[in-house]
Amino acid sequence: MPDIHPYDVIVRPVVTEKTSAMADEHGQYTFEVDMRANKIQIKQAVELIFDVNVEKVATMIVPAKFGLRGRRRYQRKKAWKKAIVRLAPGQSIDLFNL
């Protein structure tokens, strides 16, 4: 298990219309995380940084995006890891409430 500092685990919050609706309705927040991070490290990082209680963490690898230029295929965006974090009822992260 790689030793990653908690502030290096979370790369950025993913703020879209869909993730904002998930935050409002279900208390779920979405982050881009380090590819090496596991669910336990993600939970610890979110609890430390935002001072909330995490109930569940779901992770997924978003595949790379490719494009075509003539006959050549090139990589437009690299693969990244997404984490959906569900908080305890009644808690929220102010970063998403803009």
C-alpha atoms as a PDB file:
ATOM      1  CA  MET A   1       0.000   0.000   0.000  1.00  0.00           C
ATOM      2  CA  PRO A   2       1.616   3.291  -1.049  1.00  0.00           C
ATOM      3  CA  ASP A   3       2.081   5.909   1.650  1.00  0.00           C
ATOM      4  CA  ILE A   4       0.342   9.032   0.307  1.00  0.00           C
ATOM      5  CA  HIS A   5      -0.112  12.220   2.317  1.00  0.00           C
ATOM      6  CA  PRO A   6      -3.852  12.937   2.903  1.00  0.00           C
ATOM      7  CA  TYR A   7      -3.604  16.281   1.095  1.00  0.00           C
ATOM      8  CA  ASP A   8      -2.157  14.496  -1.956  1.00  0.00           C
ATOM      9  CA  VAL A   9      -4.995  11.948  -2.110  1.00  0.00           C
ATOM     10  CA  ILE A  10      -7.663  14.432  -3.240  1.00  0.00           C
ATOM     11  CA  VAL A  11      -6.693  16.101  -6.509  1.00  0.00           C
ATOM     12  CA  ARG A  12      -9.812  18.242  -7.070  1.00  0.00           C
ATOM     13  CA  PRO A  13     -13.558  18.269  -6.498  1.00  0.00           C
ATOM     14  CA  VAL A  14     -15.685  17.387  -9.517  1.00  0.00           C
ATOM     15  CA  VAL A  15     -18.421  20.032  -9.737  1.00  0.00           C
ATOM     16  CA  THR A  16     -21.053  19.481 -12.427  1.00  0.00           C
ATOM     17  CA  GLU A  17     -24.838  19.714 -12.539  1.00  0.00           C
ATOM     18  CA  LYS A  18     -25.107  16.001 -11.833  1.00  0.00           C
ATOM     19  CA  THR A  19     -22.702  16.036  -8.866  1.00  0.00           C
ATOM     20  CA  SER A  20     -24.429  19.108  -7.423  1.00  0.00           C
ATOM     21  CA  ALA A  21     -27.768  17.288  -7.574  1.00  0.00           C
ATOM     22  CA  MET A  22     -26.183  14.225  -5.924  1.00  0.00           C
ATOM     23  CA  ALA A  23     -24.849  16.418  -3.131  1.00  0.00           C
ATOM     24  CA  ASP A  24     -28.228  18.078  -2.531  1.00  0.00           C
ATOM     25  CA  GLU A  25     -30.403  14.958  -2.715  1.00  0.00           C
ATOM     26  CA  HIS A  26     -28.196  12.136  -1.419  1.00  0.00           C
ATOM     27  CA  GLY A  27     -25.292  13.754   0.458  1.00  0.00           C
ATOM     28  CA  GLN A  28     -22.782  12.324  -2.034  1.00  0.00           C
ATOM     29  CA  TYR A  29     -19.739  14.306  -3.147  1.00  0.00           C
ATOM     30  CA  THR A  30     -17.429  13.538  -6.063  1.00  0.00           C
ATOM     31  CA  PHE A  31     -13.657  14.009  -6.150  1.00  0.00           C
ATOM     32  CA  GLU A  32     -10.813  13.258  -8.526  1.00  0.00           C
ATOM     33  CA  VAL A  33      -8.303  11.297  -6.469  1.00  0.00           C
ATOM     34  CA  ASP A  34      -4.780   9.950  -6.877  1.00  0.00           C
ATOM     35  CA  MET A  35      -4.698   6.732  -8.913  1.00  0.00           C
ATOM     36  CA  ARG A  36      -2.744   4.971  -6.143  1.00  0.00           C
ATOM     37  CA  ALA A  37      -5.214   5.854  -3.356  1.00  0.00           C
ATOM     38  CA  ASN A  38      -7.546   3.207  -1.948  1.00  0.00           C
ATOM     39  CA  LYS A  39     -10.951   3.647  -0.288  1.00  0.00           C
ATOM     40  CA  ILE A  40      -9.541   3.764   3.246  1.00  0.00           C
ATOM     41  CA  GLN A  41      -7.074   6.516   2.352  1.00  0.00           C
ATOM     42  CA  ILE A  42      -9.798   8.491   0.549  1.00  0.00           C
ATOM     43  CA  LYS A  43     -12.105   8.234   3.570  1.00  0.00           C
ATOM     44  CA  GLN A  44      -9.355   9.377   5.958  1.00  0.00           C
ATOM     45  CA  ALA A  45      -8.389  12.295   3.687  1.00  0.00           C
ATOM     46  CA  VAL A  46     -11.970  13.587   3.322  1.00  0.00           C
ATOM     47  CA  GLU A  47     -12.603  13.285   7.065  1.00  0.00           C
ATOM     48  CA  LEU A  48      -9.345  15.112   7.877  1.00  0.00           C
ATOM     49  CA  ILE A  49      -9.625  17.904   5.298  1.00  0.00           C
ATOM     50  CA  PHE A  50     -13.357  18.704   5.529  1.00  0.00           C
ATOM     51  CA  ASP A  51     -14.032  17.607   9.167  1.00  0.00           C
ATOM     52  CA  VAL A  52     -17.026  15.374   8.289  1.00  0.00           C
ATOM     53  CA  ASN A  53     -17.996  11.730   8.870  1.00  0.00           C
ATOM     54  CA  VAL A  54     -17.818   9.520   5.774  1.00  0.00           C
ATOM     55  CA  GLU A  55     -20.211   6.569   5.571  1.00  0.00           C
ATOM     56  CA  LYS A  56     -19.217   5.051   2.233  1.00  0.00           C
ATOM     57  CA  VAL A  57     -16.690   5.485  -0.567  1.00  0.00           C
ATOM     58  CA  ALA A  58     -17.178   4.236  -4.130  1.00  0.00           C
ATOM     59  CA  THR A  59     -14.303   4.455  -6.610  1.00  0.00           C
ATOM     60  CA  MET A  60     -14.027   4.027 -10.350  1.00  0.00           C
ATOM     61  CA  ILE A  61     -11.415   4.522 -13.046  1.00  0.00           C
ATOM     62  CA  VAL A  62     -12.549   6.906 -15.780  1.00  0.00           C
ATOM     63  CA  PRO A  63     -10.923   5.676 -19.007  1.00  0.00           C
ATOM     64  CA  ALA A  64      -8.701   7.822 -21.214  1.00  0.00           C
ATOM     65  CA  LYS A  65     -10.280   9.788 -24.060  1.00  0.00           C
ATOM     66  CA  PHE A  66      -8.865   9.379 -27.546  1.00  0.00           C
ATOM     67  CA  GLY A  67      -9.221  11.407 -30.721  1.00  0.00           C
ATOM     68  CA  LEU A  68      -8.410  10.954 -34.389  1.00  0.00           C
ATOM     69  CA  ARG A  69      -6.281  13.154 -36.569  1.00  0.00           C
ATOM     70  CA  GLY A  70      -6.332  11.676 -40.022  1.00  0.00           C
ATOM     71  CA  ARG A  71      -5.527   7.994 -39.499  1.00  0.00           C
ATOM     72  CA  ARG A  72      -3.611   8.606 -36.303  1.00  0.00           C
ATOM     73  CA  ARG A  73      -5.135   8.083 -32.917  1.00  0.00           C
ATOM     74  CA  TYR A  74      -3.979  10.316 -30.066  1.00  0.00           C
ATOM     75  CA  GLN A  75      -4.809  10.636 -26.383  1.00  0.00           C
ATOM     76  CA  ARG A  76      -6.834  13.757 -25.548  1.00  0.00           C
ATOM     77  CA  LYS A  77      -7.275  13.118 -21.808  1.00  0.00           C
ATOM     78  CA  LYS A  78      -5.529  10.647 -19.543  1.00  0.00           C
ATOM     79  CA  ALA A  79      -7.328   8.108 -17.371  1.00  0.00           C
ATOM     80  CA  TRP A  80      -8.208   9.274 -13.835  1.00  0.00           C
ATOM     81  CA  LYS A  81      -9.747   7.902 -10.679  1.00  0.00           C
ATOM     82  CA  LYS A  82     -13.080   9.196  -9.399  1.00  0.00           C
ATOM     83  CA  ALA A  83     -14.358   8.757  -5.848  1.00  0.00           C
ATOM     84  CA  ILE A  84     -17.970   9.267  -4.763  1.00  0.00           C
ATOM     85  CA  VAL A  85     -18.122   9.883  -1.023  1.00  0.00           C
ATOM     86  CA  ARG A  86     -21.373   9.584   0.986  1.00  0.00           C
ATOM     87  CA  LEU A  87     -21.477  11.598   4.204  1.00  0.00           C
ATOM     88  CA  ALA A  88     -23.426  10.940   7.384  1.00  0.00           C
ATOM     89  CA  PRO A  89     -26.977  12.382   7.368  1.00  0.00           C
ATOM     90  CA  GLY A  90     -27.136  16.097   8.117  1.00  0.00           C
ATOM     91  CA  GLN A  91     -23.542  16.839   7.092  1.00  0.00           C
ATOM     92  CA  SER A  92     -22.343  18.730   4.037  1.00  0.00           C
ATOM     93  CA  ILE A  93     -19.187  20.153   2.495  1.00  0.00           C
ATOM     94  CA  ASP A  94     -19.403  23.915   2.021  1.00  0.00           C
ATOM     95  CA  LEU A  95     -17.124  23.830  -1.014  1.00  0.00           C
ATOM     96  CA  PHE A  96     -19.980  22.388  -3.093  1.00  0.00           C
ATOM     97  CA  ASN A  97     -22.671  24.783  -1.830  1.00  0.00           C
ATOM     98  CA  LEU A  98     -21.873  27.738  -4.094  1.00  0.00           C
END
